[in-house]
Amino acid sequence: MTMNMPLLMMIALITSMSLLLASGEPIATTLDGPFKPLTRRFDPSLRRGSDDLPMDHPRLRKRNVSSDFPEQIALALSTPTSMWVSWVTGDAVVGKDVKPLDPSSVASEVWYGKEKGKYLLKKKGNATVYSQLYPFDGLLNYTSGIIHHVLIDGLEPETKYYYKCGDSSVPAMSQELSFKTLPLPSKEAYPHRIAFVGDLGLTSNTTTTIDHLMENDPSMVIIVGDLTYADQYRTIGGKGVSCFSCSFPDAPIRETYQPRWDARGRFMEPLTSKVPTMVIEGNHEIELQASGITFKSYSERFAVPSSESGSNTNFYYSFDAGGVHFVMLGAYVDYNHTGAQYAWLKEDLSKVDRAVSPWLVATMHPPWYNSYSSHYQEFECMRQEMEELLYQHRVDIVFAGHVHAYERMNRIYNYTLDPCGPVYITIGDGGNIEKVDVDFADDPGKCPSPGDNIPEIGGSCPLNFTSGSAKGKFCWDRQPDWSAFRESSFGHGILEVMNSTHALWRWQRNQDVYKDDIAGDQIYIVRQPNVCISLQFRGEEREKSGGNKSRFSSPTLLMFICIFFMFCTSRSIVFGHVI
């Protein structure tokens, strides 16, 4: 049943009042926008710490235990009542001739229960290995350890579980670990905190980012691609380059150093073994090898709810986390109107019940809206194919990485400010080897040519703007109106969904890691479901409400005004920061 307008406005008002009282000072909301574009200029000292961590770093080394002992343990959501548990056993091999391990030689078991040391439930799963093979002399091949995936189900919501994983017959079981399940889909229940990070790699800055993220105690983590940068480690020698093809034009293939994947698994285990972590592929996961095989490591190492969400591929999928529905979109597979991903997305979005899952969040690796020179308009083709579908279904927020900087957009659709468009946020600066991006496309001499940013997979669709101050131009000559705030810094973000209409977004910069309650950027993202009705339902909703007849009755309006007046009088609050 649709909530009427006055009741919704009253709830929004009361929520805003409580948020203000809790924080002590007003935080802007998206209802205050569109905001005047703001740039916080780059601090050169922040480029330090971007070199890769060496393989003998304490957080990357393999522990001195039996090869059958589980390591690289990771959790991922399957359904609201089930969880994937993944880990690796055995030793990977690097060399000219490599022989894969036998995945059936070690069992895949998870013991779990709601009390410490008492595992009343047990599940078995499957195991696999993969190889990275090259057709050129001098490049080293790789075969992985044994990768285990076990699905545990029948879990109760918002409940702490204790578990061990491994092979009990060896015996080689992990130490006891724990996790807490998320709420069931409901407009009244949301994850405590959702962390977002992109383009991580394995550098000193990555260490700061992950340590800071863990201090924020998230109940779920979303990584928007470019997980390891294994495809640069050997060729570049631990030093980043902004353009691989420019620096190595004669390289026959981009060799990847696959042991960096194992190093990443060990590095991330303190987080991923306790907090479900969801990933989507980026361009650094392509990892081309013999016979044209790509994305092998990404496909084999991560368990994601692909079949559960009807996609049947790791490249795009969806899942629920309380009252938030996530769609994870693949930019490096077919995204055209006639393709499988588009058909899946259309069906997936049509199934979302906004009365149960009010919030709709999309993620992908490359941003559609980006005012930096790096990757400028690189995925304009994807935007032109898929943006309308997200807009029609009133997606609330779109997170992306790829550009190694932070940028938050005003609500936008088709390059036009639109109060019902999503809030696009770029967070591709988790700490990777390529360092932060500092050049803006609107700065003098920094506008790339339409042929500069071509995606590794997919076509190019550069365009000139048709209206506004950039009319007829490929780049703006000032920060675009749709870019609300941008800053070149490393960090991660935290989304706290308060209720069905309000969510607090905070950008947590690495340079602020030792400062209490400091955010580089923060804003309340506010939904207006009765104003921004999903276009597919607009006719139906209008019919239910009796055409254009107003539902805002005079008594309700009077009560609303009285409550608002009393609150403003007692608190001396600036109007624009409250609603």
Protein backbone atom coordinates (compact mmCIF):
# COMPACT_ATOMS: atom_id res chain seq x y z
CA MET A 1 0.00 0.00 0.00
CA THR A 2 1.41 3.38 -1.00
CA MET A 3 2.11 5.82 1.83
CA ASN A 4 0.38 9.17 1.35
CA MET A 5 2.36 12.36 0.84
CA PRO A 6 1.75 14.17 4.16
CA LEU A 7 2.64 11.15 6.24
CA LEU A 8 5.81 10.62 4.23
CA MET A 9 6.80 14.27 4.64
CA MET A 10 6.19 14.11 8.39
CA ILE A 11 8.37 11.02 8.68
CA ALA A 12 11.11 12.75 6.69
CA LEU A 13 10.85 15.79 8.97
CA ILE A 14 11.02 13.75 12.16
CA THR A 15 13.97 11.78 10.77
CA SER A 16 15.80 14.98 9.88
CA MET A 17 15.16 16.40 13.35
CA SER A 18 16.53 13.30 15.05
CA LEU A 19 19.59 13.24 12.78
CA LEU A 20 20.31 16.85 13.56
CA LEU A 21 19.91 16.40 17.29
CA ALA A 22 22.21 13.37 17.22
CA SER A 23 25.00 15.06 15.29
CA GLY A 24 24.89 18.45 16.99
CA GLU A 25 25.29 20.34 13.73
CA PRO A 26 23.51 20.11 10.41
CA ILE A 27 24.68 17.85 7.60
CA ALA A 28 23.48 18.72 4.14
CA THR A 29 20.97 16.48 2.38
CA THR A 30 20.47 15.83 -1.30
CA LEU A 31 17.26 17.86 -0.99
CA ASP A 32 19.48 20.91 -0.50
CA GLY A 33 20.93 20.33 -3.97
CA PRO A 34 21.84 20.58 -6.68
CA PHE A 35 25.03 21.86 -5.10
CA LYS A 36 27.44 24.35 -6.59
CA PRO A 37 30.45 22.38 -7.88
CA LEU A 38 33.31 22.23 -5.38
CA THR A 39 36.89 21.00 -5.82
CA ARG A 40 39.34 20.31 -3.02
CA ARG A 41 42.75 20.59 -4.65
CA PHE A 42 45.33 17.83 -4.45
CA ASP A 43 47.85 17.57 -1.62
CA PRO A 44 51.10 16.30 -3.27
CA SER A 45 52.19 14.58 -0.06
CA LEU A 46 49.36 12.07 -0.51
CA ARG A 47 51.12 10.38 -3.44
CA ARG A 48 53.47 8.67 -1.04
CA GLY A 49 52.89 5.03 -0.10
CA SER A 50 51.74 3.84 -3.53
CA ASP A 51 54.51 1.30 -4.15
CA ASP A 52 53.50 -2.37 -4.01
CA LEU A 53 54.12 -4.29 -0.80
CA PRO A 54 56.85 -6.92 -1.35
CA MET A 55 55.85 -10.57 -1.36
CA ASP A 56 57.77 -11.18 1.88
CA HIS A 57 55.73 -8.56 3.73
CA PRO A 58 54.32 -10.05 6.98
CA ARG A 59 50.74 -9.51 5.85
CA LEU A 60 51.31 -11.26 2.51
CA ARG A 61 53.43 -14.28 3.47
CA LYS A 62 51.98 -17.76 3.73
CA ARG A 63 51.74 -18.92 7.32
CA ASN A 64 54.09 -21.65 8.49
CA VAL A 65 51.44 -24.37 8.62
CA SER A 66 50.54 -27.54 6.76
CA SER A 67 49.58 -27.00 3.12
CA ASP A 68 46.19 -28.60 3.92
CA PHE A 69 45.44 -25.87 6.45
CA PRO A 70 42.83 -23.30 5.21
CA GLU A 71 43.99 -19.81 4.38
CA GLN A 72 42.55 -16.81 2.48
CA ILE A 73 39.17 -17.42 4.16
CA ALA A 74 36.36 -15.24 2.83
CA LEU A 75 32.59 -14.83 3.26
CA ALA A 76 30.07 -13.71 0.65
CA LEU A 77 26.31 -13.34 0.75
CA SER A 78 24.22 -15.86 -1.14
CA THR A 79 20.63 -15.22 -0.04
CA PRO A 80 19.30 -13.48 3.09
CA THR A 81 19.49 -16.86 4.88
CA SER A 82 22.63 -18.38 3.35
CA MET A 83 26.33 -17.57 3.11
CA TRP A 84 29.25 -18.65 0.94
CA VAL A 85 32.46 -19.64 2.76
CA SER A 86 35.59 -19.82 0.59
CA TRP A 87 39.23 -20.63 1.30
CA VAL A 88 42.43 -22.01 -0.28
CA THR A 89 44.57 -25.01 0.61
CA GLY A 90 47.73 -26.41 -0.96
CA ASP A 91 50.60 -24.59 -2.61
CA ALA A 92 50.39 -22.67 -5.85
CA VAL A 93 53.18 -23.32 -8.36
CA VAL A 94 54.93 -20.87 -10.69
CA GLY A 95 57.18 -22.04 -13.52
CA LYS A 96 57.52 -23.05 -17.14
CA ASP A 97 55.78 -26.39 -16.69
CA VAL A 98 53.14 -26.56 -13.97
CA LYS A 99 50.97 -29.49 -12.89
CA PRO A 100 47.61 -28.71 -11.28
CA LEU A 101 46.79 -30.12 -7.86
CA ASP A 102 43.96 -32.61 -7.47
CA PRO A 103 40.96 -30.72 -5.99
CA SER A 104 39.43 -33.98 -4.76
CA SER A 105 42.44 -34.69 -2.54
CA VAL A 106 41.17 -32.40 0.23
CA ALA A 107 37.60 -32.15 1.54
CA SER A 108 35.60 -28.91 1.68
CA GLU A 109 33.77 -28.73 5.02
CA VAL A 110 32.25 -25.99 7.17
CA TRP A 111 31.13 -26.63 10.75
CA TYR A 112 28.95 -23.92 12.25
CA GLY A 113 26.56 -23.07 15.08
CA LYS A 114 25.25 -20.29 17.28
CA GLU A 115 27.44 -21.11 20.28
CA LYS A 116 31.20 -21.01 20.64
CA GLY A 117 32.74 -24.42 20.17
CA LYS A 118 29.37 -26.06 19.43
CA TYR A 119 28.93 -26.83 15.75
CA LEU A 120 25.57 -28.52 15.36
CA LEU A 121 25.52 -27.95 11.60
CA LYS A 122 27.92 -29.16 8.92
CA LYS A 123 28.02 -28.56 5.17
CA LYS A 124 30.21 -29.83 2.35
CA GLY A 125 30.99 -28.00 -0.87
CA ASN A 126 33.18 -28.22 -3.92
CA ALA A 127 36.76 -27.40 -4.85
CA THR A 128 38.57 -26.31 -7.98
CA VAL A 129 41.96 -25.24 -9.32
CA TYR A 130 42.85 -23.00 -12.25
CA SER A 131 45.91 -22.20 -14.31
CA GLN A 132 47.29 -19.04 -15.94
CA LEU A 133 49.19 -20.11 -19.03
CA TYR A 134 51.13 -18.03 -21.57
CA PRO A 135 51.97 -18.82 -25.20
CA PHE A 136 55.27 -16.90 -25.11
CA ASP A 137 58.72 -18.05 -24.00
CA GLY A 138 60.06 -16.33 -20.92
CA LEU A 139 56.67 -15.81 -19.25
CA LEU A 140 56.02 -17.91 -16.17
CA ASN A 141 52.92 -20.07 -15.93
CA TYR A 142 50.93 -20.58 -12.72
CA THR A 143 48.62 -23.15 -11.20
CA SER A 144 46.62 -22.30 -8.11
CA GLY A 145 46.16 -23.95 -4.79
CA ILE A 146 42.86 -25.74 -4.20
CA ILE A 147 40.02 -23.23 -3.98
CA HIS A 148 37.08 -24.32 -1.81
CA HIS A 149 33.51 -22.96 -1.87
CA VAL A 150 30.86 -24.13 0.60
CA LEU A 151 27.31 -22.80 0.86
CA ILE A 152 25.82 -22.82 4.35
CA ASP A 153 22.09 -22.22 4.50
CA GLY A 154 19.12 -22.12 6.86
CA LEU A 155 20.68 -19.21 8.75
CA GLU A 156 18.65 -16.98 11.00
CA PRO A 157 18.72 -13.22 10.33
CA GLU A 158 20.69 -10.84 12.55
CA THR A 159 22.32 -13.76 14.34
CA LYS A 160 25.93 -14.41 15.25
CA TYR A 161 27.39 -17.70 14.03
CA TYR A 162 30.67 -19.41 14.88
CA TYR A 163 32.38 -21.57 12.28
CA LYS A 164 35.42 -23.57 11.23
CA CYS A 165 36.36 -24.64 7.73
CA GLY A 166 38.73 -27.19 6.24
CA ASP A 167 39.08 -30.98 6.15
CA SER A 168 38.28 -32.78 9.41
CA SER A 169 39.76 -36.08 8.18
CA VAL A 170 43.34 -34.79 7.88
CA PRO A 171 42.67 -33.11 10.34
CA ALA A 172 43.14 -29.56 9.11
CA MET A 173 40.40 -27.23 10.31
CA SER A 174 40.76 -23.49 10.73
CA GLN A 175 40.57 -21.73 14.05
CA GLU A 176 37.09 -20.69 15.16
CA LEU A 177 35.78 -17.62 13.37
CA SER A 178 32.47 -15.79 13.51
CA PHE A 179 30.12 -13.62 11.49
CA LYS A 180 26.73 -11.99 11.95
CA THR A 181 23.97 -12.43 9.40
CA LEU A 182 22.18 -9.42 7.95
CA PRO A 183 18.49 -8.53 8.36
CA LEU A 184 15.86 -9.99 6.06
CA PRO A 185 14.55 -7.68 3.32
CA SER A 186 12.32 -5.14 5.02
CA LYS A 187 11.70 -1.41 4.92
CA GLU A 188 12.37 -1.42 8.67
CA ALA A 189 15.70 -3.28 8.76
CA TYR A 190 19.11 -2.42 7.27
CA PRO A 191 22.76 -3.42 7.66
CA HIS A 192 24.54 -1.52 10.40
CA ARG A 193 27.15 -0.06 8.04
CA ILE A 194 28.05 -0.86 4.44
CA ALA A 195 31.63 -0.13 3.41
CA PHE A 196 32.51 0.72 -0.20
CA VAL A 197 36.00 0.69 -1.66
CA GLY A 198 37.53 0.36 -5.11
CA ASP A 199 40.83 -0.19 -6.92
CA LEU A 200 42.62 -1.54 -3.88
CA GLY A 201 45.79 -3.27 -4.96
CA LEU A 202 48.39 -4.14 -2.31
CA THR A 203 50.31 -1.01 -1.32
CA SER A 204 51.02 0.88 1.89
CA ASN A 205 47.99 3.03 1.09
CA THR A 206 45.91 -0.15 0.75
CA THR A 207 47.00 -1.08 4.27
CA THR A 208 45.84 2.25 5.65
CA THR A 209 42.54 1.99 3.79
CA ILE A 210 41.70 -1.51 5.02
CA ASP A 211 42.80 -0.80 8.60
CA HIS A 212 40.62 2.34 8.62
CA LEU A 213 37.72 0.44 7.07
CA MET A 214 37.91 -2.29 9.71
CA GLU A 215 37.89 0.32 12.48
CA ASN A 216 34.55 1.52 11.11
CA ASP A 217 33.09 -1.92 11.88
CA PRO A 218 31.08 -2.57 8.70
CA SER A 219 28.52 -5.35 8.50
CA MET A 220 29.20 -5.77 4.76
CA VAL A 221 31.85 -4.65 2.26
CA ILE A 222 31.45 -3.86 -1.45
CA ILE A 223 34.59 -3.76 -3.64
CA VAL A 224 33.92 -2.16 -7.03
CA GLY A 225 36.65 -3.88 -9.04
CA ASP A 226 40.42 -3.85 -9.57
CA LEU A 227 41.08 -6.07 -6.62
CA THR A 228 44.76 -6.97 -6.82
CA TYR A 229 46.68 -5.45 -9.78
CA ALA A 230 48.43 -8.77 -10.29
CA ASP A 231 48.57 -7.90 -13.99
CA GLN A 232 51.12 -5.15 -13.35
CA TYR A 233 53.31 -6.46 -10.55
CA ARG A 234 55.99 -8.30 -12.55
CA THR A 235 56.23 -6.02 -15.60
CA ILE A 236 56.29 -2.75 -13.69
CA GLY A 237 58.39 -4.03 -10.82
CA GLY A 238 56.30 -2.61 -8.02
CA LYS A 239 56.16 0.92 -9.44
CA GLY A 240 52.96 2.27 -10.94
CA VAL A 241 52.44 3.72 -14.40
CA SER A 242 49.39 5.71 -15.43
CA CYS A 243 49.13 4.01 -18.85
CA PHE A 244 50.41 0.45 -19.29
CA SER A 245 50.05 0.34 -23.10
CA CYS A 246 51.88 3.70 -23.36
CA SER A 247 54.80 2.54 -21.23
CA PHE A 248 55.02 -0.94 -22.75
CA PRO A 249 53.84 -0.60 -26.38
CA ASP A 250 55.71 -3.72 -27.56
CA ALA A 251 54.50 -6.07 -24.82
CA PRO A 252 52.85 -9.06 -26.56
CA ILE A 253 50.62 -9.72 -23.57
CA ARG A 254 50.12 -8.23 -20.13
CA GLU A 255 51.71 -10.85 -17.91
CA THR A 256 50.12 -11.31 -14.51
CA TYR A 257 51.95 -12.44 -11.40
CA GLN A 258 49.29 -14.71 -9.95
CA PRO A 259 50.91 -15.19 -6.52
CA ARG A 260 49.70 -11.63 -5.84
CA TRP A 261 46.18 -13.10 -5.73
CA ASP A 262 47.26 -15.44 -2.94
CA ALA A 263 48.96 -12.53 -1.20
CA ARG A 264 45.72 -10.54 -1.48
CA GLY A 265 43.73 -13.38 0.06
CA ARG A 266 46.04 -13.48 3.08
CA PHE A 267 46.10 -9.70 3.38
CA MET A 268 42.28 -9.45 3.34
CA GLU A 269 41.51 -12.50 5.52
CA PRO A 270 41.22 -10.60 8.84
CA LEU A 271 38.33 -8.70 7.22
CA THR A 272 36.81 -11.16 4.75
CA SER A 273 36.70 -14.10 7.21
CA LYS A 274 34.37 -12.10 9.46
CA VAL A 275 32.48 -9.71 7.17
CA PRO A 276 30.73 -10.75 3.93
CA THR A 277 32.55 -9.07 1.07
CA MET A 278 30.98 -8.67 -2.38
CA VAL A 279 33.05 -7.98 -5.48
CA ILE A 280 32.61 -7.09 -9.14
CA GLU A 281 35.25 -7.38 -11.85
CA GLY A 282 37.41 -4.51 -13.06
CA ASN A 283 39.72 -4.15 -16.03
CA HIS A 284 42.71 -5.43 -14.03
CA GLU A 285 40.87 -8.74 -13.60
CA ILE A 286 40.86 -9.37 -17.39
CA GLU A 287 44.25 -11.16 -17.22
CA LEU A 288 44.45 -12.43 -20.79
CA GLN A 289 46.20 -15.80 -21.18
CA ALA A 290 46.64 -18.59 -23.73
CA SER A 291 43.68 -19.42 -26.00
CA GLY A 292 42.19 -15.99 -25.30
CA ILE A 293 40.97 -16.96 -21.80
CA THR A 294 40.23 -14.00 -19.53
CA PHE A 295 39.05 -13.35 -15.97
CA LYS A 296 40.09 -16.84 -14.84
CA SER A 297 41.31 -15.88 -11.38
CA TYR A 298 38.28 -13.67 -10.70
CA SER A 299 35.87 -16.36 -11.88
CA GLU A 300 37.39 -19.17 -9.82
CA ARG A 301 38.34 -17.41 -6.59
CA PHE A 302 35.10 -15.63 -5.74
CA ALA A 303 31.73 -17.14 -4.88
CA VAL A 304 28.93 -14.72 -5.70
CA PRO A 305 25.13 -15.17 -5.85
CA SER A 306 24.98 -15.47 -9.63
CA SER A 307 22.66 -18.47 -9.95
CA GLU A 308 20.71 -17.27 -6.92
CA SER A 309 19.91 -14.02 -8.75
CA GLY A 310 19.25 -15.63 -12.11
CA SER A 311 22.31 -14.31 -13.95
CA ASN A 312 24.34 -17.55 -14.01
CA THR A 313 27.59 -15.59 -14.42
CA ASN A 314 30.00 -13.97 -11.98
CA PHE A 315 30.19 -10.88 -14.19
CA TYR A 316 26.85 -9.48 -13.01
CA TYR A 317 24.44 -10.47 -10.26
CA SER A 318 22.22 -9.05 -7.51
CA PHE A 319 21.49 -9.64 -3.84
CA ASP A 320 19.54 -8.23 -0.89
CA ALA A 321 20.93 -6.81 2.34
CA GLY A 322 18.01 -5.89 4.58
CA GLY A 323 15.95 -3.25 2.81
CA VAL A 324 18.64 -2.59 0.19
CA HIS A 325 18.70 -4.37 -3.18
CA PHE A 326 22.10 -4.36 -4.90
CA VAL A 327 22.74 -4.87 -8.60
CA MET A 328 26.37 -5.54 -9.51
CA LEU A 329 26.89 -4.68 -13.17
CA GLY A 330 29.59 -6.00 -15.51
CA ALA A 331 31.30 -3.45 -17.73
CA TYR A 332 33.57 -5.96 -19.49
CA VAL A 333 30.86 -8.21 -20.91
CA ASP A 334 28.05 -7.39 -23.32
CA TYR A 335 25.82 -4.60 -21.95
CA ASN A 336 23.88 -3.77 -25.12
CA HIS A 337 20.07 -3.65 -25.26
CA THR A 338 20.06 -6.95 -27.11
CA GLY A 339 22.43 -8.73 -24.72
CA ALA A 340 21.92 -11.17 -21.88
CA GLN A 341 23.03 -8.74 -19.16
CA TYR A 342 20.52 -6.10 -20.19
CA ALA A 343 17.70 -8.67 -20.29
CA TRP A 344 18.73 -9.96 -16.86
CA LEU A 345 18.92 -6.44 -15.39
CA LYS A 346 15.51 -5.51 -16.75
CA GLU A 347 13.94 -8.59 -15.20
CA ASP A 348 15.82 -8.22 -11.93
CA LEU A 349 14.77 -4.59 -11.45
CA SER A 350 11.16 -5.39 -12.33
CA LYS A 351 11.04 -7.92 -9.48
CA VAL A 352 12.15 -5.46 -6.79
CA ASP A 353 9.31 -4.65 -4.37
CA ARG A 354 10.12 -1.16 -3.12
CA ALA A 355 7.73 -1.64 -0.21
CA VAL A 356 10.11 -4.36 1.03
CA SER A 357 13.40 -3.13 -0.46
CA PRO A 358 13.07 0.68 -0.57
CA TRP A 359 16.71 1.27 -1.48
CA LEU A 360 18.09 0.31 -4.86
CA VAL A 361 21.88 0.56 -5.27
CA ALA A 362 23.92 -0.24 -8.38
CA THR A 363 27.66 -0.78 -8.61
CA MET A 364 30.06 -1.19 -11.52
CA HIS A 365 33.76 -0.70 -12.05
CA PRO A 366 33.96 2.27 -14.46
CA PRO A 367 31.97 5.47 -13.80
CA TRP A 368 29.49 6.86 -16.30
CA TYR A 369 29.89 10.38 -14.92
CA ASN A 370 33.45 11.56 -14.42
CA SER A 371 35.11 14.97 -14.68
CA TYR A 372 38.71 13.74 -14.34
CA SER A 373 40.94 13.43 -17.41
CA SER A 374 41.60 9.80 -16.58
CA HIS A 375 39.01 7.49 -18.19
CA TYR A 376 36.98 10.51 -19.29
CA GLN A 377 33.87 9.28 -21.20
CA GLU A 378 35.51 5.87 -21.49
CA PHE A 379 32.26 3.99 -20.84
CA GLU A 380 29.89 6.37 -22.56
CA CYS A 381 28.64 3.42 -24.65
CA MET A 382 27.54 1.56 -21.52
CA ARG A 383 25.82 4.66 -20.16
CA GLN A 384 23.88 5.14 -23.37
CA GLU A 385 22.76 1.52 -23.33
CA MET A 386 21.79 1.07 -19.67
CA GLU A 387 21.25 4.43 -17.96
CA GLU A 388 17.61 4.80 -18.93
CA LEU A 389 16.78 1.45 -17.34
CA LEU A 390 18.31 2.51 -14.01
CA TYR A 391 16.49 5.83 -14.20
CA GLN A 392 13.13 4.23 -14.98
CA HIS A 393 13.40 2.02 -11.92
CA ARG A 394 14.58 4.91 -9.73
CA VAL A 395 17.93 3.52 -8.68
CA ASP A 396 19.01 5.65 -5.71
CA ILE A 397 22.83 5.46 -5.75
CA VAL A 398 25.42 4.22 -8.26
CA PHE A 399 28.94 3.45 -7.02
CA ALA A 400 31.93 3.03 -9.34
CA GLY A 401 35.73 2.95 -9.23
CA HIS A 402 38.31 2.93 -12.07
CA VAL A 403 39.13 6.65 -11.69
CA HIS A 404 41.62 6.90 -8.81
CA ALA A 405 39.98 9.79 -7.03
CA TYR A 406 36.78 10.69 -5.21
CA GLU A 407 33.83 12.41 -6.87
CA ARG A 408 30.18 12.78 -5.85
CA MET A 409 27.65 13.97 -8.40
CA ASN A 410 24.44 15.92 -8.06
CA ARG A 411 21.39 13.86 -8.96
CA ILE A 412 21.57 13.46 -12.71
CA TYR A 413 20.10 11.70 -15.73
CA ASN A 414 21.45 11.92 -19.29
CA TYR A 415 23.88 14.70 -18.32
CA THR A 416 20.96 16.80 -17.03
CA LEU A 417 20.39 17.70 -13.40
CA ASP A 418 17.34 15.72 -12.32
CA PRO A 419 15.93 15.45 -8.76
CA CYS A 420 14.87 11.87 -9.52
CA GLY A 421 18.18 10.74 -10.99
CA PRO A 422 20.63 8.60 -8.99
CA VAL A 423 23.48 10.01 -6.92
CA TYR A 424 26.63 8.78 -8.70
CA ILE A 425 29.73 8.36 -6.51
CA THR A 426 33.25 7.45 -7.68
CA ILE A 427 35.45 5.71 -5.10
CA GLY A 428 38.30 4.25 -7.20
CA ASP A 429 41.06 5.23 -4.81
CA GLY A 430 41.44 2.44 -2.29
CA GLY A 431 45.23 2.73 -2.47
CA ASN A 432 46.48 1.10 -5.65
CA ILE A 433 49.88 1.18 -7.33
CA GLU A 434 48.78 3.63 -10.06
CA LYS A 435 48.47 6.45 -7.53
CA VAL A 436 45.68 9.03 -7.34
CA ASP A 437 44.38 10.88 -10.40
CA VAL A 438 44.91 14.62 -10.14
CA ASP A 439 44.07 16.12 -13.55
CA PHE A 440 40.58 17.40 -14.35
CA ALA A 441 39.24 17.34 -17.89
CA ASP A 442 38.11 20.95 -17.48
CA ASP A 443 41.57 22.25 -16.56
CA PRO A 444 43.47 24.08 -19.34
CA GLY A 445 45.27 21.60 -21.56
CA LYS A 446 43.93 18.55 -19.69
CA CYS A 447 40.96 17.67 -21.91
CA PRO A 448 41.75 14.29 -23.50
CA SER A 449 40.99 13.63 -27.14
CA PRO A 450 37.99 11.39 -27.93
CA GLY A 451 40.42 8.63 -28.88
CA ASP A 452 42.47 8.67 -25.68
CA ASN A 453 40.26 6.64 -23.35
CA ILE A 454 39.26 3.43 -25.09
CA PRO A 455 38.05 0.52 -22.91
CA GLU A 456 39.90 -2.80 -23.05
CA ILE A 457 36.61 -4.52 -23.89
CA GLY A 458 33.72 -2.79 -25.65
CA GLY A 459 33.34 0.11 -28.04
CA SER A 460 33.85 3.88 -27.77
CA CYS A 461 31.02 6.41 -28.01
CA PRO A 462 32.50 9.88 -27.35
CA LEU A 463 30.05 12.77 -27.54
CA ASN A 464 29.98 16.53 -27.45
CA PHE A 465 27.52 18.16 -25.08
CA THR A 466 24.36 19.57 -26.64
CA SER A 467 23.34 22.12 -24.01
CA GLY A 468 24.59 24.27 -21.17
CA SER A 469 27.94 26.02 -20.96
CA ALA A 470 29.70 23.05 -22.58
CA LYS A 471 27.42 23.00 -25.63
CA GLY A 472 29.24 21.72 -28.70
CA LYS A 473 32.34 20.73 -26.70
CA PHE A 474 33.84 17.41 -25.65
CA CYS A 475 35.00 18.82 -22.28
CA TRP A 476 33.70 21.52 -20.00
CA ASP A 477 35.90 24.56 -19.37
CA ARG A 478 35.00 24.49 -15.65
CA GLN A 479 33.85 21.87 -13.18
CA PRO A 480 30.59 20.50 -14.64
CA ASP A 481 27.30 21.42 -12.98
CA TRP A 482 26.63 17.74 -12.29
CA SER A 483 29.88 17.34 -10.32
CA ALA A 484 29.02 18.34 -6.76
CA PHE A 485 32.34 17.56 -5.06
CA ARG A 486 35.67 16.09 -6.10
CA GLU A 487 38.99 15.44 -4.39
CA SER A 488 42.11 13.41 -5.17
CA SER A 489 42.62 11.30 -2.05
CA PHE A 490 42.83 7.68 -0.95
CA GLY A 491 40.12 6.22 1.25
CA HIS A 492 36.85 4.32 1.51
CA GLY A 493 33.19 5.16 2.08
CA ILE A 494 30.57 4.17 4.64
CA LEU A 495 26.83 4.10 3.93
CA GLU A 496 24.49 4.00 6.93
CA VAL A 497 20.88 3.50 5.92
CA MET A 498 18.69 5.06 8.62
CA ASN A 499 15.25 4.20 7.27
CA SER A 500 13.34 3.90 4.01
CA THR A 501 14.10 7.49 2.97
CA HIS A 502 17.37 8.60 4.62
CA ALA A 503 20.93 7.27 4.36
CA LEU A 504 24.13 8.91 5.58
CA TRP A 505 27.09 8.73 3.19
CA ARG A 506 30.58 9.47 4.55
CA TRP A 507 33.82 9.59 2.58
CA GLN A 508 36.62 8.47 4.93
CA ARG A 509 39.99 9.73 3.69
CA ASN A 510 43.22 7.96 4.64
CA GLN A 511 44.78 11.21 5.84
CA ASP A 512 42.01 11.44 8.44
CA VAL A 513 42.50 7.93 9.81
CA TYR A 514 43.83 9.19 13.15
CA LYS A 515 41.22 11.92 13.54
CA ASP A 516 38.03 11.03 15.39
CA ASP A 517 34.74 11.43 13.55
CA ILE A 518 36.25 13.28 10.59
CA ALA A 519 34.86 12.79 7.08
CA GLY A 520 36.25 14.20 3.85
CA ASP A 521 32.69 14.41 2.55
CA GLN A 522 29.34 13.58 4.09
CA ILE A 523 25.73 13.99 3.06
CA TYR A 524 22.32 12.52 3.78
CA ILE A 525 20.99 10.90 0.63
CA VAL A 526 17.23 11.31 0.74
CA ARG A 527 14.73 9.32 -1.29
CA GLN A 528 11.42 10.86 -2.37
CA PRO A 529 9.36 7.81 -3.38
CA ASN A 530 6.09 9.72 -3.77
CA VAL A 531 7.72 12.34 -5.97
CA CYS A 532 10.07 10.07 -7.89
CA ILE A 533 7.77 7.18 -8.67
CA SER A 534 9.22 4.41 -10.82
CA LEU A 535 8.18 5.29 -14.35
CA GLN A 536 6.77 1.84 -15.01
CA PHE A 537 4.35 2.28 -12.11
CA ARG A 538 3.50 5.94 -12.58
CA GLY A 539 0.23 5.31 -14.43
CA GLU A 540 -0.83 2.71 -11.89
CA GLU A 541 -0.08 5.00 -8.96
CA ARG A 542 -1.94 7.90 -10.56
CA GLU A 543 -4.99 5.69 -11.01
CA LYS A 544 -4.85 4.55 -7.37
CA SER A 545 -4.70 8.14 -6.15
CA GLY A 546 -7.74 9.20 -8.18
CA GLY A 547 -6.07 11.05 -11.04
CA ASN A 548 -4.63 14.45 -10.15
CA LYS A 549 -6.70 14.90 -7.02
CA SER A 550 -4.58 16.25 -4.19
CA ARG A 551 -4.12 14.01 -1.16
CA PHE A 552 -2.64 16.74 1.01
CA SER A 553 -5.62 17.67 3.19
CA SER A 554 -5.87 20.97 5.01
CA PRO A 555 -5.89 19.46 8.55
CA THR A 556 -2.78 17.43 7.77
CA LEU A 557 -1.05 20.44 6.24
CA LEU A 558 -1.88 22.54 9.32
CA MET A 559 -0.49 19.86 11.64
CA PHE A 560 2.68 19.58 9.54
CA ILE A 561 3.23 23.35 9.61
CA CYS A 562 2.68 23.54 13.37
CA ILE A 563 5.14 20.76 14.12
CA PHE A 564 7.75 22.28 11.82
CA PHE A 565 7.30 25.77 13.29
CA MET A 566 7.67 24.55 16.87
CA PHE A 567 10.80 22.61 16.00
CA CYS A 568 12.49 25.48 14.15
CA THR A 569 11.62 27.93 16.91
CA SER A 570 13.02 25.74 19.65
CA ARG A 571 16.23 24.80 17.84
CA SER A 572 16.95 27.90 15.70
CA ILE A 573 17.72 25.69 12.74
CA VAL A 574 18.53 26.78 9.23
CA PHE A 575 15.69 25.53 7.05
CA GLY A 576 17.81 24.27 4.19
CA HIS A 577 19.72 21.80 6.36
CA VAL A 578 16.69 20.11 7.87
CA ILE A 579 14.53 18.84 5.04
